[in-house]
Amino acid sequence: MIYKCLILTIILFISSISGITAKGGISAKLIEKQKTSENMSAPQYIGGDSELYKFLESNIRYPYILAQIEMEGEVEVKFTIEKDGEVKNVEIVRGFDPLADDEVMRVVKALPKWSPAKMDEEAIDANLKLVISFTLNDELIAQAQQMKKDGAADDTYIGSSNIQDKVPEKENAESIENVSNDIKDDSLNKAPQFPGGQEALAAYFKNNLKYPKRAIQMKIEGRVIFKLLVSEEGEITKIMLYKSIFRDCDEEAFYLVKKMPKWIPGLKDGNPAAMEVMVPIPFVLPG
């Protein structure tokens, strides 16, 4: 039947419960589910909506730096519940801050299997949408103030989570890493290179980076890390934020990456090949 290929779109609106903010600053409430056919059943989180809210509220953490500057907002995220109940295709539709966006992505990707949507009793894919609210309370603000006294890093979060990142960060403090191709560095296999090599790349950032005023005022330091896809022609065809430190720094780093000249493409078995590389952009406060 034609309905076997139907992708059901369901929107889950998440908002605060009767104006009460959850202890961790994440409030959740399902407002409505929209169906397109009477022969269709929506996907269900195992245990029901209350368990879904509990999972989100107990695992999504408030970014420390946002609590410190008393910033609130919402993240809209969409994803697919596939026929086997797995959560796939997680994507931010409307972001709030890179740290908050990353945290929502991390937790949504870790959602356990759902009971899938069905059309005429056959499982089908379903697209879902969540709006996650980050709302401050006195306890969060107090925790952020204490973390500041303790010297917490700006990219840390308040509280703990039962979920561990599926892909742990592996950073090389000095070099550009090839993250998607197992390439041996020899005459036939090489990772993409910035023209002039690592020293030229470091000089490019040093000579062009403009430290954001707000980051200086807030004494924010660290490294923004992007994952780049370098094409066979040396063009940067995809830029993905891998590690954020602060919105203004992220934007400045992104601008510099966008302005980069063509790279020397990577080689695989002697032939130019599209490859991904990690590029760290350091932000160090002037001494």
C-alpha atoms as a PDB file:
ATOM      1  CA  MET A   1       0.000   0.000   0.000  1.00  0.00           C
ATOM      2  CA  ILE A   2       1.007   3.571  -0.557  1.00  0.00           C
ATOM      3  CA  TYR A   3       0.750   4.189   3.193  1.00  0.00           C
ATOM      4  CA  LYS A   4       3.701   1.855   3.827  1.00  0.00           C
ATOM      5  CA  CYS A   5       6.035   4.613   2.681  1.00  0.00           C
ATOM      6  CA  LEU A   6       4.269   7.370   4.554  1.00  0.00           C
ATOM      7  CA  ILE A   7       6.448   9.371   6.925  1.00  0.00           C
ATOM      8  CA  LEU A   8       4.344  10.609   9.778  1.00  0.00           C
ATOM      9  CA  THR A   9       5.147  14.064  11.119  1.00  0.00           C
ATOM     10  CA  ILE A  10       4.359  14.563  14.757  1.00  0.00           C
ATOM     11  CA  ILE A  11       5.194  17.682  16.689  1.00  0.00           C
ATOM     12  CA  LEU A  12       5.901  17.382  20.385  1.00  0.00           C
ATOM     13  CA  PHE A  13       5.817  20.803  22.002  1.00  0.00           C
ATOM     14  CA  ILE A  14       7.811  21.004  25.235  1.00  0.00           C
ATOM     15  CA  SER A  15       7.127  23.853  27.637  1.00  0.00           C
ATOM     16  CA  SER A  16       7.115  24.595  31.345  1.00  0.00           C
ATOM     17  CA  ILE A  17       4.742  22.773  33.661  1.00  0.00           C
ATOM     18  CA  SER A  18       2.339  25.285  35.217  1.00  0.00           C
ATOM     19  CA  GLY A  19       5.147  27.841  35.297  1.00  0.00           C
ATOM     20  CA  ILE A  20       7.247  25.688  37.648  1.00  0.00           C
ATOM     21  CA  THR A  21      10.886  25.295  36.646  1.00  0.00           C
ATOM     22  CA  ALA A  22      12.429  21.862  37.100  1.00  0.00           C
ATOM     23  CA  LYS A  23      15.316  21.595  39.512  1.00  0.00           C
ATOM     24  CA  GLY A  24      17.865  21.334  36.701  1.00  0.00           C
ATOM     25  CA  GLY A  25      16.332  24.200  34.724  1.00  0.00           C
ATOM     26  CA  ILE A  26      14.779  21.931  32.068  1.00  0.00           C
ATOM     27  CA  SER A  27      10.972  21.850  31.980  1.00  0.00           C
ATOM     28  CA  ALA A  28       8.929  19.461  29.845  1.00  0.00           C
ATOM     29  CA  LYS A  29       5.284  19.061  28.959  1.00  0.00           C
ATOM     30  CA  LEU A  30       3.630  17.432  25.938  1.00  0.00           C
ATOM     31  CA  ILE A  31       0.993  19.798  24.605  1.00  0.00           C
ATOM     32  CA  GLU A  32      -0.438  17.854  21.660  1.00  0.00           C
ATOM     33  CA  LYS A  33       0.146  15.219  19.046  1.00  0.00           C
ATOM     34  CA  GLN A  34      -1.008  15.808  15.495  1.00  0.00           C
ATOM     35  CA  LYS A  35      -2.086  12.841  13.351  1.00  0.00           C
ATOM     36  CA  THR A  36      -2.839  12.751   9.628  1.00  0.00           C
ATOM     37  CA  SER A  37      -4.963   9.582   9.505  1.00  0.00           C
ATOM     38  CA  GLU A  38      -7.336   7.602  11.732  1.00  0.00           C
ATOM     39  CA  ASN A  39      -5.504   4.421  10.680  1.00  0.00           C
ATOM     40  CA  MET A  40      -2.299   5.717  12.168  1.00  0.00           C
ATOM     41  CA  SER A  41      -0.886   5.485  15.674  1.00  0.00           C
ATOM     42  CA  ALA A  42       1.843   7.785  16.974  1.00  0.00           C
ATOM     43  CA  PRO A  43       5.193   6.525  18.245  1.00  0.00           C
ATOM     44  CA  GLN A  44       5.308   6.142  21.999  1.00  0.00           C
ATOM     45  CA  TYR A  45       8.172   6.553  24.427  1.00  0.00           C
ATOM     46  CA  ILE A  46       8.386   3.398  26.514  1.00  0.00           C
ATOM     47  CA  GLY A  47       6.734   4.214  29.818  1.00  0.00           C
ATOM     48  CA  GLY A  48       4.772   7.127  28.405  1.00  0.00           C
ATOM     49  CA  ASP A  49       5.223  10.869  28.234  1.00  0.00           C
ATOM     50  CA  SER A  50       6.029  11.238  31.938  1.00  0.00           C
ATOM     51  CA  GLU A  51       9.037   8.946  31.528  1.00  0.00           C
ATOM     52  CA  LEU A  52      10.169  10.931  28.483  1.00  0.00           C
ATOM     53  CA  TYR A  53      10.081  14.143  30.526  1.00  0.00           C
ATOM     54  CA  LYS A  54      11.912  12.455  33.370  1.00  0.00           C
ATOM     55  CA  PHE A  55      14.641  11.286  30.991  1.00  0.00           C
ATOM     56  CA  LEU A  56      15.083  14.763  29.505  1.00  0.00           C
ATOM     57  CA  GLU A  57      14.987  16.645  32.806  1.00  0.00           C
ATOM     58  CA  SER A  58      17.391  14.304  34.580  1.00  0.00           C
ATOM     59  CA  ASN A  59      19.975  14.198  31.791  1.00  0.00           C
ATOM     60  CA  ILE A  60      20.015  17.583  30.019  1.00  0.00           C
ATOM     61  CA  ARG A  61      22.359  19.866  31.949  1.00  0.00           C
ATOM     62  CA  TYR A  62      22.429  23.655  32.071  1.00  0.00           C
ATOM     63  CA  PRO A  63      25.627  25.158  30.587  1.00  0.00           C
ATOM     64  CA  TYR A  64      27.588  26.783  33.402  1.00  0.00           C
ATOM     65  CA  ILE A  65      28.587  29.889  31.418  1.00  0.00           C
ATOM     66  CA  LEU A  66      24.949  30.583  30.463  1.00  0.00           C
ATOM     67  CA  ALA A  67      23.827  30.361  34.088  1.00  0.00           C
ATOM     68  CA  GLN A  68      26.689  32.641  35.078  1.00  0.00           C
ATOM     69  CA  ILE A  69      25.543  35.372  32.697  1.00  0.00           C
ATOM     70  CA  GLU A  70      21.882  34.540  33.457  1.00  0.00           C
ATOM     71  CA  MET A  71      20.905  33.585  29.920  1.00  0.00           C
ATOM     72  CA  GLU A  72      17.740  31.597  29.206  1.00  0.00           C
ATOM     73  CA  GLY A  73      16.333  30.242  25.954  1.00  0.00           C
ATOM     74  CA  GLU A  74      14.923  27.372  23.938  1.00  0.00           C
ATOM     75  CA  VAL A  75      16.320  24.741  21.594  1.00  0.00           C
ATOM     76  CA  GLU A  76      14.123  23.234  18.889  1.00  0.00           C
ATOM     77  CA  VAL A  77      15.285  19.832  17.714  1.00  0.00           C
ATOM     78  CA  LYS A  78      13.859  17.362  15.215  1.00  0.00           C
ATOM     79  CA  PHE A  79      14.580  13.661  14.832  1.00  0.00           C
ATOM     80  CA  THR A  80      13.157  10.477  13.366  1.00  0.00           C
ATOM     81  CA  ILE A  81      11.784   7.410  15.128  1.00  0.00           C
ATOM     82  CA  GLU A  82      12.488   4.687  12.605  1.00  0.00           C
ATOM     83  CA  LYS A  83      10.475   1.507  12.042  1.00  0.00           C
ATOM     84  CA  ASP A  84      12.650  -0.375  14.513  1.00  0.00           C
ATOM     85  CA  GLY A  85      12.131   2.306  17.183  1.00  0.00           C
ATOM     86  CA  GLU A  86      15.650   3.756  16.934  1.00  0.00           C
ATOM     87  CA  VAL A  87      16.225   7.519  17.191  1.00  0.00           C
ATOM     88  CA  LYS A  88      17.985   8.812  14.060  1.00  0.00           C
ATOM     89  CA  ASN A  89      18.603  12.006  12.042  1.00  0.00           C
ATOM     90  CA  VAL A  90      18.834  14.320  15.050  1.00  0.00           C
ATOM     91  CA  GLU A  91      19.101  17.949  13.923  1.00  0.00           C
ATOM     92  CA  ILE A  92      18.837  21.354  15.565  1.00  0.00           C
ATOM     93  CA  VAL A  93      16.087  23.403  13.904  1.00  0.00           C
ATOM     94  CA  ARG A  94      16.383  26.515  16.068  1.00  0.00           C
ATOM     95  CA  GLY A  95      19.413  26.940  18.277  1.00  0.00           C
ATOM     96  CA  PHE A  96      19.833  28.878  21.512  1.00  0.00           C
ATOM     97  CA  ASP A  97      23.571  28.657  22.239  1.00  0.00           C
ATOM     98  CA  PRO A  98      26.186  26.167  20.972  1.00  0.00           C
ATOM     99  CA  LEU A  99      26.669  24.646  24.434  1.00  0.00           C
ATOM    100  CA  ALA A 100      22.923  24.237  24.988  1.00  0.00           C
ATOM    101  CA  ASP A 101      22.448  22.933  21.446  1.00  0.00           C
ATOM    102  CA  ASP A 102      25.199  20.348  21.916  1.00  0.00           C
ATOM    103  CA  GLU A 103      23.709  19.206  25.213  1.00  0.00           C
ATOM    104  CA  VAL A 104      20.247  18.719  23.694  1.00  0.00           C
ATOM    105  CA  MET A 105      21.748  16.834  20.748  1.00  0.00           C
ATOM    106  CA  ARG A 106      23.719  14.592  23.120  1.00  0.00           C
ATOM    107  CA  VAL A 107      20.678  13.597  25.162  1.00  0.00           C
ATOM    108  CA  VAL A 108      18.218  13.213  22.273  1.00  0.00           C
ATOM    109  CA  LYS A 109      20.699  10.959  20.451  1.00  0.00           C
ATOM    110  CA  ALA A 110      20.856   8.811  23.586  1.00  0.00           C
ATOM    111  CA  LEU A 111      17.090   8.302  23.857  1.00  0.00           C
ATOM    112  CA  PRO A 112      16.289   4.580  24.128  1.00  0.00           C
ATOM    113  CA  LYS A 113      14.139   2.764  21.576  1.00  0.00           C
ATOM    114  CA  TRP A 114      10.551   3.875  21.188  1.00  0.00           C
ATOM    115  CA  SER A 115       7.453   1.939  20.184  1.00  0.00           C
ATOM    116  CA  PRO A 116       7.289   3.016  16.514  1.00  0.00           C
ATOM    117  CA  ALA A 117       4.419   4.730  14.719  1.00  0.00           C
ATOM    118  CA  LYS A 118       2.086   2.445  12.791  1.00  0.00           C
ATOM    119  CA  MET A 119      -0.105   2.761   9.725  1.00  0.00           C
ATOM    120  CA  ASP A 120      -2.683  -0.006   9.346  1.00  0.00           C
ATOM    121  CA  GLU A 121      -0.728  -1.934  12.001  1.00  0.00           C
ATOM    122  CA  GLU A 122       2.548  -1.714  10.055  1.00  0.00           C
ATOM    123  CA  ALA A 123       5.497   0.157  11.541  1.00  0.00           C
ATOM    124  CA  ILE A 124       6.487   3.350   9.726  1.00  0.00           C
ATOM    125  CA  ASP A 125       9.049   6.113  10.197  1.00  0.00           C
ATOM    126  CA  ALA A 126       7.913   9.180  12.156  1.00  0.00           C
ATOM    127  CA  ASN A 127       9.462  12.645  12.368  1.00  0.00           C
ATOM    128  CA  LEU A 128       9.323  14.246  15.815  1.00  0.00           C
ATOM    129  CA  LYS A 129      10.038  17.741  17.055  1.00  0.00           C
ATOM    130  CA  LEU A 130      10.885  18.893  20.583  1.00  0.00           C
ATOM    131  CA  VAL A 131      11.291  22.358  22.042  1.00  0.00           C
ATOM    132  CA  ILE A 132      13.526  22.193  25.108  1.00  0.00           C
ATOM    133  CA  SER A 133      13.370  25.162  27.487  1.00  0.00           C
ATOM    134  CA  PHE A 134      16.348  26.302  29.575  1.00  0.00           C
ATOM    135  CA  THR A 135      15.031  28.339  32.509  1.00  0.00           C
ATOM    136  CA  LEU A 136      17.090  29.564  35.450  1.00  0.00           C
ATOM    137  CA  ASN A 137      16.179  29.289  39.120  1.00  0.00           C
ATOM    138  CA  ASP A 138      17.867  30.450  42.314  1.00  0.00           C
ATOM    139  CA  GLU A 139      19.570  27.101  42.872  1.00  0.00           C
ATOM    140  CA  LEU A 140      21.160  27.068  39.410  1.00  0.00           C
ATOM    141  CA  ILE A 141      22.402  30.634  39.775  1.00  0.00           C
ATOM    142  CA  ALA A 142      23.893  29.804  43.174  1.00  0.00           C
ATOM    143  CA  GLN A 143      25.610  26.717  41.743  1.00  0.00           C
ATOM    144  CA  ALA A 144      27.038  28.783  38.881  1.00  0.00           C
ATOM    145  CA  GLN A 145      28.399  31.356  41.318  1.00  0.00           C
ATOM    146  CA  GLN A 146      30.078  28.621  43.353  1.00  0.00           C
ATOM    147  CA  MET A 147      31.532  27.031  40.201  1.00  0.00           C
ATOM    148  CA  LYS A 148      32.966  30.409  39.215  1.00  0.00           C
ATOM    149  CA  LYS A 149      34.689  30.663  42.608  1.00  0.00           C
ATOM    150  CA  ASP A 150      36.048  27.148  42.100  1.00  0.00           C
ATOM    151  CA  GLY A 151      37.504  28.131  38.711  1.00  0.00           C
ATOM    152  CA  ALA A 152      35.185  26.052  36.499  1.00  0.00           C
ATOM    153  CA  ALA A 153      35.926  25.945  32.776  1.00  0.00           C
ATOM    154  CA  ASP A 154      33.469  27.825  30.565  1.00  0.00           C
ATOM    155  CA  ASP A 155      32.526  24.716  28.580  1.00  0.00           C
ATOM    156  CA  THR A 156      31.357  22.756  31.642  1.00  0.00           C
ATOM    157  CA  TYR A 157      27.805  22.055  32.745  1.00  0.00           C
ATOM    158  CA  ILE A 158      25.921  22.270  36.020  1.00  0.00           C
ATOM    159  CA  GLY A 159      25.047  18.949  37.601  1.00  0.00           C
ATOM    160  CA  SER A 160      25.605  15.462  36.275  1.00  0.00           C
ATOM    161  CA  SER A 161      24.070  13.158  33.695  1.00  0.00           C
ATOM    162  CA  ASN A 162      23.640   9.413  33.505  1.00  0.00           C
ATOM    163  CA  ILE A 163      24.492   9.535  29.803  1.00  0.00           C
ATOM    164  CA  GLN A 164      28.061   9.385  28.574  1.00  0.00           C
ATOM    165  CA  ASP A 165      29.025  10.862  25.229  1.00  0.00           C
ATOM    166  CA  LYS A 166      28.931   8.196  22.559  1.00  0.00           C
ATOM    167  CA  VAL A 167      32.059   9.579  20.910  1.00  0.00           C
ATOM    168  CA  PRO A 168      34.585  10.909  23.414  1.00  0.00           C
ATOM    169  CA  GLU A 169      36.462  13.994  22.368  1.00  0.00           C
ATOM    170  CA  LYS A 170      40.031  13.388  21.326  1.00  0.00           C
ATOM    171  CA  GLU A 171      41.931  16.584  20.874  1.00  0.00           C
ATOM    172  CA  ASN A 172      45.467  17.144  19.710  1.00  0.00           C
ATOM    173  CA  ALA A 173      46.687  20.345  21.354  1.00  0.00           C
ATOM    174  CA  GLU A 174      49.108  21.296  18.616  1.00  0.00           C
ATOM    175  CA  SER A 175      48.105  19.625  15.375  1.00  0.00           C
ATOM    176  CA  ILE A 176      45.290  19.139  12.900  1.00  0.00           C
ATOM    177  CA  GLU A 177      43.823  15.652  13.157  1.00  0.00           C
ATOM    178  CA  ASN A 178      42.435  13.484  10.409  1.00  0.00           C
ATOM    179  CA  VAL A 179      39.254  12.168  12.021  1.00  0.00           C
ATOM    180  CA  SER A 180      37.530  10.107   9.373  1.00  0.00           C
ATOM    181  CA  ASN A 181      40.242   8.490   7.267  1.00  0.00           C
ATOM    182  CA  ASP A 182      42.716   5.944   8.535  1.00  0.00           C
ATOM    183  CA  ILE A 183      45.529   7.351   6.421  1.00  0.00           C
ATOM    184  CA  LYS A 184      49.186   6.526   6.856  1.00  0.00           C
ATOM    185  CA  ASP A 185      51.340   9.566   6.202  1.00  0.00           C
ATOM    186  CA  ASP A 186      53.525   8.476   3.293  1.00  0.00           C
ATOM    187  CA  SER A 187      54.052   9.479  -0.325  1.00  0.00           C
ATOM    188  CA  LEU A 188      50.725   7.957  -1.430  1.00  0.00           C
ATOM    189  CA  ASN A 189      48.555   8.725   1.598  1.00  0.00           C
ATOM    190  CA  LYS A 190      48.386  12.135   3.205  1.00  0.00           C
ATOM    191  CA  ALA A 191      45.918  14.184   5.206  1.00  0.00           C
ATOM    192  CA  PRO A 192      44.792  17.545   3.781  1.00  0.00           C
ATOM    193  CA  GLN A 193      47.087  20.467   4.609  1.00  0.00           C
ATOM    194  CA  PHE A 194      46.684  24.199   4.935  1.00  0.00           C
ATOM    195  CA  PRO A 195      48.956  25.917   2.360  1.00  0.00           C
ATOM    196  CA  GLY A 196      52.340  26.258   4.024  1.00  0.00           C
ATOM    197  CA  GLY A 197      51.620  23.646   6.673  1.00  0.00           C
ATOM    198  CA  GLN A 198      50.872  23.813  10.372  1.00  0.00           C
ATOM    199  CA  GLU A 199      53.035  26.880  11.029  1.00  0.00           C
ATOM    200  CA  ALA A 200      51.255  28.831   8.303  1.00  0.00           C
ATOM    201  CA  LEU A 201      47.871  27.830   9.747  1.00  0.00           C
ATOM    202  CA  ALA A 202      48.886  28.996  13.227  1.00  0.00           C
ATOM    203  CA  ALA A 203      50.111  32.290  11.747  1.00  0.00           C
ATOM    204  CA  TYR A 204      46.835  32.706   9.840  1.00  0.00           C
ATOM    205  CA  PHE A 205      44.828  32.547  13.061  1.00  0.00           C
ATOM    206  CA  LYS A 206      47.281  34.700  15.006  1.00  0.00           C
ATOM    207  CA  ASN A 207      47.277  37.464  12.384  1.00  0.00           C
ATOM    208  CA  ASN A 208      43.552  37.492  11.649  1.00  0.00           C
ATOM    209  CA  LEU A 209      41.726  36.550  14.829  1.00  0.00           C
ATOM    210  CA  LYS A 210      39.876  39.392  16.550  1.00  0.00           C
ATOM    211  CA  TYR A 211      39.197  38.512  20.171  1.00  0.00           C
ATOM    212  CA  PRO A 212      35.501  39.287  20.891  1.00  0.00           C
ATOM    213  CA  LYS A 213      35.074  42.111  23.410  1.00  0.00           C
ATOM    214  CA  ARG A 214      32.521  40.238  25.497  1.00  0.00           C
ATOM    215  CA  ALA A 215      34.835  37.229  25.728  1.00  0.00           C
ATOM    216  CA  ILE A 216      37.647  39.484  26.975  1.00  0.00           C
ATOM    217  CA  GLN A 217      35.354  41.125  29.520  1.00  0.00           C
ATOM    218  CA  MET A 218      34.210  37.716  30.769  1.00  0.00           C
ATOM    219  CA  LYS A 219      37.790  36.357  30.667  1.00  0.00           C
ATOM    220  CA  ILE A 220      36.855  33.488  28.380  1.00  0.00           C
ATOM    221  CA  GLU A 221      39.686  31.389  26.986  1.00  0.00           C
ATOM    222  CA  GLY A 222      39.836  28.055  25.235  1.00  0.00           C
ATOM    223  CA  ARG A 223      39.817  26.418  21.831  1.00  0.00           C
ATOM    224  CA  VAL A 224      36.970  26.336  19.362  1.00  0.00           C
ATOM    225  CA  ILE A 225      37.278  23.158  17.296  1.00  0.00           C
ATOM    226  CA  PHE A 226      35.758  22.659  13.862  1.00  0.00           C
ATOM    227  CA  LYS A 227      35.569  19.485  11.804  1.00  0.00           C
ATOM    228  CA  LEU A 228      36.101  20.341   8.137  1.00  0.00           C
ATOM    229  CA  LEU A 229      35.439  18.344   5.012  1.00  0.00           C
ATOM    230  CA  VAL A 230      38.134  19.137   2.441  1.00  0.00           C
ATOM    231  CA  SER A 231      37.208  18.089  -1.102  1.00  0.00           C
ATOM    232  CA  GLU A 232      39.410  16.482  -3.750  1.00  0.00           C
ATOM    233  CA  GLU A 233      40.009  19.997  -5.113  1.00  0.00           C
ATOM    234  CA  GLY A 234      41.006  21.397  -1.714  1.00  0.00           C
ATOM    235  CA  GLU A 235      37.752  23.278  -1.176  1.00  0.00           C
ATOM    236  CA  ILE A 236      36.238  23.368   2.305  1.00  0.00           C
ATOM    237  CA  THR A 237      32.794  21.991   1.544  1.00  0.00           C
ATOM    238  CA  LYS A 238      31.482  21.406   5.049  1.00  0.00           C
ATOM    239  CA  ILE A 239      32.142  23.107   8.400  1.00  0.00           C
ATOM    240  CA  MET A 240      30.879  21.429  11.578  1.00  0.00           C
ATOM    241  CA  LEU A 241      31.256  22.824  15.089  1.00  0.00           C
ATOM    242  CA  TYR A 242      32.905  20.111  17.189  1.00  0.00           C
ATOM    243  CA  LYS A 243      33.679  22.016  20.400  1.00  0.00           C
ATOM    244  CA  SER A 244      32.287  25.361  21.518  1.00  0.00           C
ATOM    245  CA  ILE A 245      33.585  27.759  24.152  1.00  0.00           C
ATOM    246  CA  PHE A 246      31.375  30.862  23.768  1.00  0.00           C
ATOM    247  CA  ARG A 247      28.999  32.088  21.079  1.00  0.00           C
ATOM    248  CA  ASP A 248      31.067  35.156  20.110  1.00  0.00           C
ATOM    249  CA  CYS A 249      34.276  33.096  19.899  1.00  0.00           C
ATOM    250  CA  ASP A 250      32.501  30.414  17.871  1.00  0.00           C
ATOM    251  CA  GLU A 251      31.287  33.018  15.382  1.00  0.00           C
ATOM    252  CA  GLU A 252      34.732  34.622  15.028  1.00  0.00           C
ATOM    253  CA  ALA A 253      36.354  31.231  14.501  1.00  0.00           C
ATOM    254  CA  PHE A 254      33.708  30.263  11.932  1.00  0.00           C
ATOM    255  CA  TYR A 255      34.324  33.514  10.039  1.00  0.00           C
ATOM    256  CA  LEU A 256      38.057  32.779   9.847  1.00  0.00           C
ATOM    257  CA  VAL A 257      37.470  29.248   8.637  1.00  0.00           C
ATOM    258  CA  LYS A 258      35.085  30.506   5.943  1.00  0.00           C
ATOM    259  CA  LYS A 259      37.775  32.956   4.722  1.00  0.00           C
ATOM    260  CA  MET A 260      40.471  30.274   4.422  1.00  0.00           C
ATOM    261  CA  PRO A 261      42.181  29.752   1.060  1.00  0.00           C
ATOM    262  CA  LYS A 262      42.053  26.404  -0.690  1.00  0.00           C
ATOM    263  CA  TRP A 263      43.816  23.570   1.089  1.00  0.00           C
ATOM    264  CA  ILE A 264      46.186  21.028  -0.379  1.00  0.00           C
ATOM    265  CA  PRO A 265      43.847  18.036  -0.739  1.00  0.00           C
ATOM    266  CA  GLY A 266      44.521  14.745   0.974  1.00  0.00           C
ATOM    267  CA  LEU A 267      45.793  11.699  -0.881  1.00  0.00           C
ATOM    268  CA  LYS A 268      44.524   8.148  -0.683  1.00  0.00           C
ATOM    269  CA  ASP A 269      46.508   5.546  -2.622  1.00  0.00           C
ATOM    270  CA  GLY A 270      48.134   8.404  -4.533  1.00  0.00           C
ATOM    271  CA  ASN A 271      44.870  10.015  -5.633  1.00  0.00           C
ATOM    272  CA  PRO A 272      43.238  13.212  -4.286  1.00  0.00           C
ATOM    273  CA  ALA A 273      40.390  12.306  -1.941  1.00  0.00           C
ATOM    274  CA  ALA A 274      37.812  14.121   0.170  1.00  0.00           C
ATOM    275  CA  MET A 275      38.759  13.914   3.846  1.00  0.00           C
ATOM    276  CA  GLU A 276      37.730  15.340   7.190  1.00  0.00           C
ATOM    277  CA  VAL A 277      40.163  17.125   9.493  1.00  0.00           C
ATOM    278  CA  MET A 278      39.963  18.742  12.917  1.00  0.00           C
ATOM    279  CA  VAL A 279      40.986  22.385  13.183  1.00  0.00           C
ATOM    280  CA  PRO A 280      41.448  23.915  16.663  1.00  0.00           C
ATOM    281  CA  ILE A 281      41.308  27.727  16.891  1.00  0.00           C
ATOM    282  CA  PRO A 282      42.874  28.970  20.153  1.00  0.00           C
ATOM    283  CA  PHE A 283      41.565  31.947  22.100  1.00  0.00           C
ATOM    284  CA  VAL A 284      44.185  33.068  24.622  1.00  0.00           C
ATOM    285  CA  LEU A 285      43.699  36.266  26.585  1.00  0.00           C
ATOM    286  CA  PRO A 286      46.448  38.857  26.144  1.00  0.00           C
ATOM    287  CA  GLY A 287      48.972  38.777  28.970  1.00  0.00           C
END
